[in-house]
Amino acid sequence: MIRHRADSAVDAPTKAAARVRIRVVVRFVVAIGVVTVIVVGGLIAPAVLRSYDLDHRLTLRCHVTSAEGLTRGSSNRGIGGPDPRVVITTEDCGELVLWKGVTRGNVRAIADRVDPSREYAIEVGAGTWKVRGLLHAIGRSPSAFAVESAS
């Protein structure tokens, strides 16, 4: 069968419409992918990491330079109650956050118990320790669960 110019002109809008539909579907799939990454990265991953850390721990030997007890909200938007923690700064392990077992009543006592010129055995969450570079990039510190004098 011989095709004429008129036949291809009739097919042209159909091909263009198909390309537009394909672009719309691709954009939709990409948008769903982006939303999924944001939800997993922002909501699910921190909960999974915290749960993993509760069961998997490492003990590090670190030279402590300071320990500061803080009681503040867990959100920078003011949502949630006070979240007491002790921020331990070290020369060789970086900044670690002790939150397990820290309450509003004992936060100062725990921070005062840490002598800033000694070496300590610090128990940290294995998951947060492995991804500490990523945590540092987003302004977070690895979790610490126990601090004891190494000597």
C-alpha atoms as a PDB file:
ATOM      1  CA  MET A   1       0.000   0.000   0.000  1.00  0.00           C
ATOM      2  CA  ILE A   2       1.275   3.443  -0.883  1.00  0.00           C
ATOM      3  CA  ARG A   3       1.222   6.108   1.808  1.00  0.00           C
ATOM      4  CA  HIS A   4       0.538   9.669   0.960  1.00  0.00           C
ATOM      5  CA  ARG A   5       1.522  12.840   2.749  1.00  0.00           C
ATOM      6  CA  ALA A   6      -2.028  13.265   3.923  1.00  0.00           C
ATOM      7  CA  ASP A   7      -1.877   9.915   5.755  1.00  0.00           C
ATOM      8  CA  SER A   8       1.242  10.870   7.739  1.00  0.00           C
ATOM      9  CA  ALA A   9      -0.285  14.233   8.614  1.00  0.00           C
ATOM     10  CA  VAL A  10      -3.239  12.432  10.160  1.00  0.00           C
ATOM     11  CA  ASP A  11      -0.900  10.241  12.279  1.00  0.00           C
ATOM     12  CA  ALA A  12       1.201  13.225  13.469  1.00  0.00           C
ATOM     13  CA  PRO A  13      -1.156  14.441  16.227  1.00  0.00           C
ATOM     14  CA  THR A  14      -1.497  10.886  17.507  1.00  0.00           C
ATOM     15  CA  LYS A  15       2.286  10.424  17.794  1.00  0.00           C
ATOM     16  CA  ALA A  16       2.678  13.826  19.488  1.00  0.00           C
ATOM     17  CA  ALA A  17      -0.111  13.006  21.927  1.00  0.00           C
ATOM     18  CA  ALA A  18       1.539   9.663  22.725  1.00  0.00           C
ATOM     19  CA  ARG A  19       4.851  11.440  23.446  1.00  0.00           C
ATOM     20  CA  VAL A  20       3.071  13.880  25.735  1.00  0.00           C
ATOM     21  CA  ARG A  21       1.401  11.013  27.592  1.00  0.00           C
ATOM     22  CA  ILE A  22       4.754   9.249  28.008  1.00  0.00           C
ATOM     23  CA  ARG A  23       6.336  12.434  29.394  1.00  0.00           C
ATOM     24  CA  VAL A  24       3.461  12.862  31.854  1.00  0.00           C
ATOM     25  CA  VAL A  25       3.806   9.265  33.061  1.00  0.00           C
ATOM     26  CA  VAL A  26       7.597   9.580  33.441  1.00  0.00           C
ATOM     27  CA  ARG A  27       7.230  12.826  35.403  1.00  0.00           C
ATOM     28  CA  PHE A  28       4.600  11.223  37.639  1.00  0.00           C
ATOM     29  CA  VAL A  29       6.830   8.208  38.351  1.00  0.00           C
ATOM     30  CA  VAL A  30       9.796  10.487  39.117  1.00  0.00           C
ATOM     31  CA  ALA A  31       7.639  12.600  41.456  1.00  0.00           C
ATOM     32  CA  ILE A  32       6.441   9.488  43.311  1.00  0.00           C
ATOM     33  CA  GLY A  33      10.080   8.366  43.606  1.00  0.00           C
ATOM     34  CA  VAL A  34      11.145  11.717  45.055  1.00  0.00           C
ATOM     35  CA  VAL A  35       8.300  11.677  47.588  1.00  0.00           C
ATOM     36  CA  THR A  36       9.203   8.113  48.575  1.00  0.00           C
ATOM     37  CA  VAL A  37      12.863   9.034  49.116  1.00  0.00           C
ATOM     38  CA  ILE A  38      11.865  12.031  51.261  1.00  0.00           C
ATOM     39  CA  VAL A  39       9.469   9.966  53.390  1.00  0.00           C
ATOM     40  CA  VAL A  40      11.928   7.104  53.876  1.00  0.00           C
ATOM     41  CA  GLY A  41      14.885   9.410  54.492  1.00  0.00           C
ATOM     42  CA  GLY A  42      13.091  11.811  56.772  1.00  0.00           C
ATOM     43  CA  LEU A  43      10.662   9.696  58.744  1.00  0.00           C
ATOM     44  CA  ILE A  44      11.407   6.004  58.560  1.00  0.00           C
ATOM     45  CA  ALA A  45      15.236   5.909  58.462  1.00  0.00           C
ATOM     46  CA  PRO A  46      15.779   7.756  61.795  1.00  0.00           C
ATOM     47  CA  ALA A  47      13.348   5.435  63.596  1.00  0.00           C
ATOM     48  CA  VAL A  48      14.997   2.353  62.100  1.00  0.00           C
ATOM     49  CA  LEU A  49      18.472   3.674  62.978  1.00  0.00           C
ATOM     50  CA  ARG A  50      17.490   4.391  66.579  1.00  0.00           C
ATOM     51  CA  SER A  51      15.941   0.937  66.928  1.00  0.00           C
ATOM     52  CA  TYR A  52      19.049  -0.698  65.414  1.00  0.00           C
ATOM     53  CA  ASP A  53      21.299   1.231  67.809  1.00  0.00           C
ATOM     54  CA  LEU A  54      19.386  -0.047  70.840  1.00  0.00           C
ATOM     55  CA  ASP A  55      20.410  -3.619  69.953  1.00  0.00           C
ATOM     56  CA  HIS A  56      23.835  -3.048  68.312  1.00  0.00           C
ATOM     57  CA  ARG A  57      26.562  -1.179  70.165  1.00  0.00           C
ATOM     58  CA  LEU A  58      30.294  -0.466  69.953  1.00  0.00           C
ATOM     59  CA  THR A  59      32.648   0.635  72.733  1.00  0.00           C
ATOM     60  CA  LEU A  60      35.078   3.419  71.797  1.00  0.00           C
ATOM     61  CA  ARG A  61      37.998   4.854  73.764  1.00  0.00           C
ATOM     62  CA  CYS A  62      37.825   8.637  73.474  1.00  0.00           C
ATOM     63  CA  HIS A  63      39.598  11.626  75.056  1.00  0.00           C
ATOM     64  CA  VAL A  64      36.793  13.866  76.309  1.00  0.00           C
ATOM     65  CA  THR A  65      37.205  17.647  76.037  1.00  0.00           C
ATOM     66  CA  SER A  66      33.785  18.673  77.372  1.00  0.00           C
ATOM     67  CA  ALA A  67      30.372  17.415  78.466  1.00  0.00           C
ATOM     68  CA  GLU A  68      27.307  19.643  78.484  1.00  0.00           C
ATOM     69  CA  GLY A  69      23.858  18.809  79.793  1.00  0.00           C
ATOM     70  CA  LEU A  70      21.012  20.201  77.684  1.00  0.00           C
ATOM     71  CA  THR A  71      17.250  20.168  78.070  1.00  0.00           C
ATOM     72  CA  ARG A  72      15.439  21.460  75.008  1.00  0.00           C
ATOM     73  CA  GLY A  73      12.764  20.504  72.567  1.00  0.00           C
ATOM     74  CA  SER A  74      13.585  17.783  70.079  1.00  0.00           C
ATOM     75  CA  SER A  75      12.370  19.920  67.186  1.00  0.00           C
ATOM     76  CA  ASN A  76      13.657  23.233  65.918  1.00  0.00           C
ATOM     77  CA  ARG A  77      10.024  24.258  65.291  1.00  0.00           C
ATOM     78  CA  GLY A  78       9.034  23.970  68.945  1.00  0.00           C
ATOM     79  CA  ILE A  79       7.030  20.776  68.519  1.00  0.00           C
ATOM     80  CA  GLY A  80       7.386  18.177  71.259  1.00  0.00           C
ATOM     81  CA  GLY A  81       8.460  18.323  74.872  1.00  0.00           C
ATOM     82  CA  PRO A  82      11.877  18.819  76.416  1.00  0.00           C
ATOM     83  CA  ASP A  83      14.455  16.284  75.315  1.00  0.00           C
ATOM     84  CA  PRO A  84      17.247  16.026  77.930  1.00  0.00           C
ATOM     85  CA  ARG A  85      20.652  14.924  76.648  1.00  0.00           C
ATOM     86  CA  VAL A  86      24.333  15.201  77.418  1.00  0.00           C
ATOM     87  CA  VAL A  87      26.525  16.337  74.527  1.00  0.00           C
ATOM     88  CA  ILE A  88      30.011  14.878  74.895  1.00  0.00           C
ATOM     89  CA  THR A  89      32.759  16.461  72.805  1.00  0.00           C
ATOM     90  CA  THR A  90      35.917  14.409  72.255  1.00  0.00           C
ATOM     91  CA  GLU A  91      39.237  14.898  70.485  1.00  0.00           C
ATOM     92  CA  ASP A  92      39.236  11.624  68.596  1.00  0.00           C
ATOM     93  CA  CYS A  93      35.588  10.513  68.378  1.00  0.00           C
ATOM     94  CA  GLY A  94      33.887  13.831  67.635  1.00  0.00           C
ATOM     95  CA  GLU A  95      30.649  14.919  69.234  1.00  0.00           C
ATOM     96  CA  LEU A  96      28.455  12.224  70.796  1.00  0.00           C
ATOM     97  CA  VAL A  97      24.972  12.572  72.289  1.00  0.00           C
ATOM     98  CA  LEU A  98      24.024  10.605  75.411  1.00  0.00           C
ATOM     99  CA  TRP A  99      20.226  10.429  75.668  1.00  0.00           C
ATOM    100  CA  LYS A 100      19.367   6.943  76.954  1.00  0.00           C
ATOM    101  CA  GLY A 101      18.730   7.153  80.703  1.00  0.00           C
ATOM    102  CA  VAL A 102      19.097  10.947  80.780  1.00  0.00           C
ATOM    103  CA  THR A 103      16.208  12.753  82.453  1.00  0.00           C
ATOM    104  CA  ARG A 104      15.518  16.367  83.353  1.00  0.00           C
ATOM    105  CA  GLY A 105      16.427  15.482  86.922  1.00  0.00           C
ATOM    106  CA  ASN A 106      19.820  13.877  86.256  1.00  0.00           C
ATOM    107  CA  VAL A 107      21.095  15.686  83.154  1.00  0.00           C
ATOM    108  CA  ARG A 108      23.397  18.046  85.107  1.00  0.00           C
ATOM    109  CA  ALA A 109      24.721  15.282  87.368  1.00  0.00           C
ATOM    110  CA  ILE A 110      25.644  13.097  84.393  1.00  0.00           C
ATOM    111  CA  ALA A 111      27.398  15.973  82.619  1.00  0.00           C
ATOM    112  CA  ASP A 112      29.302  16.949  85.800  1.00  0.00           C
ATOM    113  CA  ARG A 113      30.464  13.344  86.296  1.00  0.00           C
ATOM    114  CA  VAL A 114      32.483  13.468  83.048  1.00  0.00           C
ATOM    115  CA  ASP A 115      35.978  14.933  83.626  1.00  0.00           C
ATOM    116  CA  PRO A 116      37.037  16.865  80.502  1.00  0.00           C
ATOM    117  CA  SER A 117      40.698  15.792  80.639  1.00  0.00           C
ATOM    118  CA  ARG A 118      40.390  12.011  80.798  1.00  0.00           C
ATOM    119  CA  GLU A 119      39.919   9.076  78.481  1.00  0.00           C
ATOM    120  CA  TYR A 120      36.549   7.329  78.590  1.00  0.00           C
ATOM    121  CA  ALA A 121      35.062   4.129  77.247  1.00  0.00           C
ATOM    122  CA  ILE A 122      31.943   5.342  75.455  1.00  0.00           C
ATOM    123  CA  GLU A 123      29.309   2.908  74.244  1.00  0.00           C
ATOM    124  CA  VAL A 124      27.777   4.131  70.981  1.00  0.00           C
ATOM    125  CA  GLY A 125      25.117   2.885  68.602  1.00  0.00           C
ATOM    126  CA  ALA A 126      26.741   0.861  65.836  1.00  0.00           C
ATOM    127  CA  GLY A 127      24.373   2.154  63.162  1.00  0.00           C
ATOM    128  CA  THR A 128      24.822   5.839  63.886  1.00  0.00           C
ATOM    129  CA  TRP A 129      28.584   5.336  64.259  1.00  0.00           C
ATOM    130  CA  LYS A 130      28.781   3.789  60.785  1.00  0.00           C
ATOM    131  CA  VAL A 131      26.866   6.676  59.179  1.00  0.00           C
ATOM    132  CA  ARG A 132      28.389   9.455  61.322  1.00  0.00           C
ATOM    133  CA  GLY A 133      29.673  11.311  58.237  1.00  0.00           C
ATOM    134  CA  LEU A 134      26.143  11.567  56.857  1.00  0.00           C
ATOM    135  CA  LEU A 135      24.803  12.544  60.279  1.00  0.00           C
ATOM    136  CA  HIS A 136      27.438  15.267  60.574  1.00  0.00           C
ATOM    137  CA  ALA A 137      26.407  16.597  57.151  1.00  0.00           C
ATOM    138  CA  ILE A 138      22.804  17.053  58.370  1.00  0.00           C
ATOM    139  CA  GLY A 139      23.796  18.465  61.779  1.00  0.00           C
ATOM    140  CA  ARG A 140      23.324  15.339  63.915  1.00  0.00           C
ATOM    141  CA  SER A 141      25.710  13.409  66.164  1.00  0.00           C
ATOM    142  CA  PRO A 142      26.020   9.666  66.878  1.00  0.00           C
ATOM    143  CA  SER A 143      24.155   8.300  69.891  1.00  0.00           C
ATOM    144  CA  ALA A 144      26.057   7.338  73.050  1.00  0.00           C
ATOM    145  CA  PHE A 145      24.537   4.960  75.603  1.00  0.00           C
ATOM    146  CA  ALA A 146      27.117   4.769  78.375  1.00  0.00           C
ATOM    147  CA  VAL A 147      30.198   6.677  79.497  1.00  0.00           C
ATOM    148  CA  GLU A 148      32.732   5.109  81.862  1.00  0.00           C
ATOM    149  CA  SER A 149      36.280   6.016  82.800  1.00  0.00           C
ATOM    150  CA  ALA A 150      38.753   4.006  80.724  1.00  0.00           C
ATOM    151  CA  SER A 151      41.424   3.928  83.437  1.00  0.00           C
END
